[in-house]
Amino acid sequence: MSKELPFLIYCVEEYRLQKGLSGKSVMELFDRYSVCEYIHNFYDLLHITGNNYIVNDIDEYIESQKAS
C-alpha cells in the first residue's frame, strides 16, 4: 500500500467531519474536481500540515478548479 492512500482516506474523513458532509458527497465532490489527484501530487507538502490547513487548501483548490 502506498503512503498516499492512508493520507487520502484521512483527508476525506477530515473534510467530511469539518464540512458535515456524507462520505459519498465528499467523494463526489473530490471526483468532480480531481481532488484525489491533487492530494496525491502534493502529498509531500500536505501531510506535514494540520487538519484545518488541509481542509482550507482543498477548498481553495476546488474553488480554483471551478474558476477554470
N, C-alpha and C. Protein backbone atom coordinates (compact mmCIF):
# COMPACT_ATOMS: atom_id res chain seq x y z
N MET A 1 0.85 -1.19 0.00
CA MET A 1 0.00 0.00 0.00
C MET A 1 0.89 1.24 0.00
N SER A 2 0.54 2.19 -0.83
CA SER A 2 1.31 3.42 -0.89
C SER A 2 1.07 4.27 0.36
N LYS A 3 2.00 5.12 0.66
CA LYS A 3 1.85 6.01 1.82
C LYS A 3 0.77 7.06 1.58
N GLU A 4 0.47 7.32 0.30
CA GLU A 4 -0.53 8.34 -0.03
C GLU A 4 -1.96 7.88 0.25
N LEU A 5 -2.23 6.59 0.12
CA LEU A 5 -3.60 6.10 0.28
C LEU A 5 -4.14 6.33 1.69
N PRO A 6 -3.42 5.95 2.75
CA PRO A 6 -3.95 6.25 4.09
C PRO A 6 -4.15 7.75 4.32
N PHE A 7 -3.26 8.56 3.74
CA PHE A 7 -3.40 10.01 3.90
C PHE A 7 -4.62 10.52 3.15
N LEU A 8 -4.88 9.97 1.98
CA LEU A 8 -6.07 10.35 1.22
C LEU A 8 -7.33 10.03 2.01
N ILE A 9 -7.38 8.86 2.60
CA ILE A 9 -8.52 8.47 3.43
C ILE A 9 -8.67 9.44 4.61
N TYR A 10 -7.57 9.78 5.22
CA TYR A 10 -7.58 10.74 6.32
C TYR A 10 -8.15 12.09 5.86
N CYS A 11 -7.72 12.55 4.68
CA CYS A 11 -8.21 13.83 4.15
C CYS A 11 -9.71 13.79 3.87
N VAL A 12 -10.17 12.69 3.30
CA VAL A 12 -11.61 12.54 3.03
C VAL A 12 -12.39 12.61 4.34
N GLU A 13 -11.94 11.88 5.34
CA GLU A 13 -12.65 11.85 6.63
C GLU A 13 -12.61 13.21 7.32
N GLU A 14 -11.47 13.86 7.30
CA GLU A 14 -11.35 15.17 7.94
C GLU A 14 -12.23 16.20 7.23
N TYR A 15 -12.24 16.16 5.92
CA TYR A 15 -13.08 17.08 5.14
C TYR A 15 -14.55 16.80 5.45
N ARG A 16 -14.92 15.54 5.48
CA ARG A 16 -16.30 15.14 5.79
C ARG A 16 -16.72 15.66 7.15
N LEU A 17 -15.88 15.48 8.15
CA LEU A 17 -16.20 15.92 9.51
C LEU A 17 -16.33 17.44 9.61
N GLN A 18 -15.36 18.14 9.04
CA GLN A 18 -15.37 19.61 9.16
C GLN A 18 -16.50 20.26 8.36
N LYS A 19 -16.90 19.63 7.27
CA LYS A 19 -17.95 20.20 6.42
C LYS A 19 -19.33 19.63 6.71
N GLY A 20 -19.41 18.60 7.55
CA GLY A 20 -20.70 18.00 7.88
C GLY A 20 -21.34 17.29 6.69
N LEU A 21 -20.51 16.69 5.85
CA LEU A 21 -20.99 16.01 4.65
C LEU A 21 -20.94 14.50 4.83
N SER A 22 -21.64 13.80 3.97
CA SER A 22 -21.53 12.34 3.95
C SER A 22 -20.26 11.96 3.18
N GLY A 23 -19.79 10.76 3.41
CA GLY A 23 -18.63 10.27 2.67
C GLY A 23 -18.90 10.26 1.18
N LYS A 24 -20.10 9.88 0.80
CA LYS A 24 -20.48 9.84 -0.61
C LYS A 24 -20.42 11.24 -1.23
N SER A 25 -20.92 12.23 -0.51
CA SER A 25 -20.89 13.62 -1.01
C SER A 25 -19.46 14.11 -1.19
N VAL A 26 -18.61 13.79 -0.24
CA VAL A 26 -17.21 14.21 -0.33
C VAL A 26 -16.56 13.55 -1.55
N MET A 27 -16.78 12.27 -1.74
CA MET A 27 -16.16 11.57 -2.86
C MET A 27 -16.68 12.10 -4.20
N GLU A 28 -17.96 12.43 -4.26
CA GLU A 28 -18.49 13.02 -5.49
C GLU A 28 -17.83 14.36 -5.78
N LEU A 29 -17.67 15.18 -4.75
CA LEU A 29 -17.01 16.47 -4.88
C LEU A 29 -15.55 16.29 -5.29
N PHE A 30 -14.86 15.37 -4.61
CA PHE A 30 -13.45 15.12 -4.90
C PHE A 30 -13.29 14.58 -6.32
N ASP A 31 -14.19 13.73 -6.76
CA ASP A 31 -14.12 13.20 -8.13
C ASP A 31 -14.36 14.30 -9.15
N ARG A 32 -15.36 15.14 -8.90
CA ARG A 32 -15.71 16.21 -9.85
C ARG A 32 -14.53 17.16 -10.09
N TYR A 33 -13.76 17.43 -9.03
CA TYR A 33 -12.68 18.41 -9.14
C TYR A 33 -11.27 17.80 -9.04
N SER A 34 -11.18 16.49 -9.18
CA SER A 34 -9.88 15.79 -9.19
C SER A 34 -9.06 16.06 -7.93
N VAL A 35 -9.73 16.13 -6.79
CA VAL A 35 -9.05 16.42 -5.53
C VAL A 35 -8.14 15.27 -5.12
N CYS A 36 -8.54 14.04 -5.39
CA CYS A 36 -7.69 12.90 -5.02
C CYS A 36 -6.34 12.97 -5.72
N GLU A 37 -6.35 13.35 -6.98
CA GLU A 37 -5.10 13.50 -7.72
C GLU A 37 -4.27 14.64 -7.15
N TYR A 38 -4.95 15.73 -6.78
CA TYR A 38 -4.26 16.87 -6.16
C TYR A 38 -3.58 16.44 -4.86
N ILE A 39 -4.30 15.71 -4.02
CA ILE A 39 -3.73 15.26 -2.75
C ILE A 39 -2.56 14.32 -3.01
N HIS A 40 -2.70 13.44 -3.97
CA HIS A 40 -1.61 12.52 -4.30
C HIS A 40 -0.38 13.30 -4.79
N ASN A 41 -0.59 14.25 -5.68
CA ASN A 41 0.52 15.02 -6.25
C ASN A 41 1.23 15.90 -5.23
N PHE A 42 0.50 16.38 -4.24
CA PHE A 42 1.09 17.29 -3.25
C PHE A 42 1.19 16.66 -1.86
N TYR A 43 1.21 15.35 -1.82
CA TYR A 43 1.32 14.61 -0.56
C TYR A 43 2.48 15.12 0.29
N ASP A 44 3.65 15.26 -0.33
CA ASP A 44 4.85 15.65 0.43
C ASP A 44 4.68 16.97 1.18
N LEU A 45 3.90 17.88 0.61
CA LEU A 45 3.65 19.15 1.28
C LEU A 45 2.48 19.09 2.25
N LEU A 46 1.42 18.40 1.85
CA LEU A 46 0.19 18.39 2.65
C LEU A 46 0.28 17.54 3.92
N HIS A 47 1.00 16.43 3.87
CA HIS A 47 0.96 15.52 5.01
C HIS A 47 1.65 16.07 6.26
N ILE A 48 2.38 17.16 6.10
CA ILE A 48 3.05 17.75 7.27
C ILE A 48 2.29 18.94 7.85
N THR A 49 1.10 19.20 7.31
CA THR A 49 0.31 20.33 7.78
C THR A 49 -0.80 19.86 8.71
N GLY A 50 -1.51 20.80 9.29
CA GLY A 50 -2.59 20.48 10.22
C GLY A 50 -3.93 20.28 9.52
N ASN A 51 -4.89 19.80 10.29
CA ASN A 51 -6.23 19.49 9.78
C ASN A 51 -6.88 20.68 9.10
N ASN A 52 -6.88 21.81 9.78
CA ASN A 52 -7.55 22.99 9.22
C ASN A 52 -6.88 23.47 7.94
N TYR A 53 -5.55 23.41 7.91
CA TYR A 53 -4.83 23.82 6.71
C TYR A 53 -5.22 22.93 5.54
N ILE A 54 -5.27 21.63 5.76
CA ILE A 54 -5.61 20.68 4.70
C ILE A 54 -7.00 20.97 4.14
N VAL A 55 -7.97 21.14 5.01
CA VAL A 55 -9.34 21.40 4.56
C VAL A 55 -9.41 22.74 3.83
N ASN A 56 -8.76 23.76 4.34
CA ASN A 56 -8.76 25.06 3.67
C ASN A 56 -8.06 24.97 2.31
N ASP A 57 -6.98 24.23 2.25
CA ASP A 57 -6.26 24.07 1.00
C ASP A 57 -7.12 23.34 -0.03
N ILE A 58 -7.82 22.32 0.38
CA ILE A 58 -8.73 21.60 -0.52
C ILE A 58 -9.82 22.54 -1.01
N ASP A 59 -10.38 23.34 -0.12
CA ASP A 59 -11.41 24.31 -0.52
C ASP A 59 -10.86 25.29 -1.56
N GLU A 60 -9.66 25.79 -1.34
CA GLU A 60 -9.05 26.72 -2.30
C GLU A 60 -8.81 26.03 -3.64
N TYR A 61 -8.37 24.78 -3.60
CA TYR A 61 -8.15 24.05 -4.84
C TYR A 61 -9.46 23.86 -5.60
N ILE A 62 -10.50 23.49 -4.90
CA ILE A 62 -11.81 23.29 -5.54
C ILE A 62 -12.28 24.60 -6.16
N GLU A 63 -12.15 25.69 -5.44
CA GLU A 63 -12.57 26.99 -5.98
C GLU A 63 -11.76 27.35 -7.23
N SER A 64 -10.48 27.04 -7.22
CA SER A 64 -9.66 27.33 -8.40
C SER A 64 -10.08 26.47 -9.59
N GLN A 65 -10.53 25.26 -9.32
CA GLN A 65 -11.00 24.37 -10.40
C GLN A 65 -12.33 24.84 -10.96
N LYS A 66 -13.18 25.38 -10.09
CA LYS A 66 -14.47 25.91 -10.54
C LYS A 66 -14.27 27.10 -11.47
N ALA A 67 -13.26 27.91 -11.15
CA ALA A 67 -13.00 29.13 -11.93
C ALA A 67 -12.40 28.85 -13.29
N SER A 68 -11.78 27.67 -13.43
CA SER A 68 -11.13 27.40 -14.73
C SER A 68 -11.97 26.61 -15.69
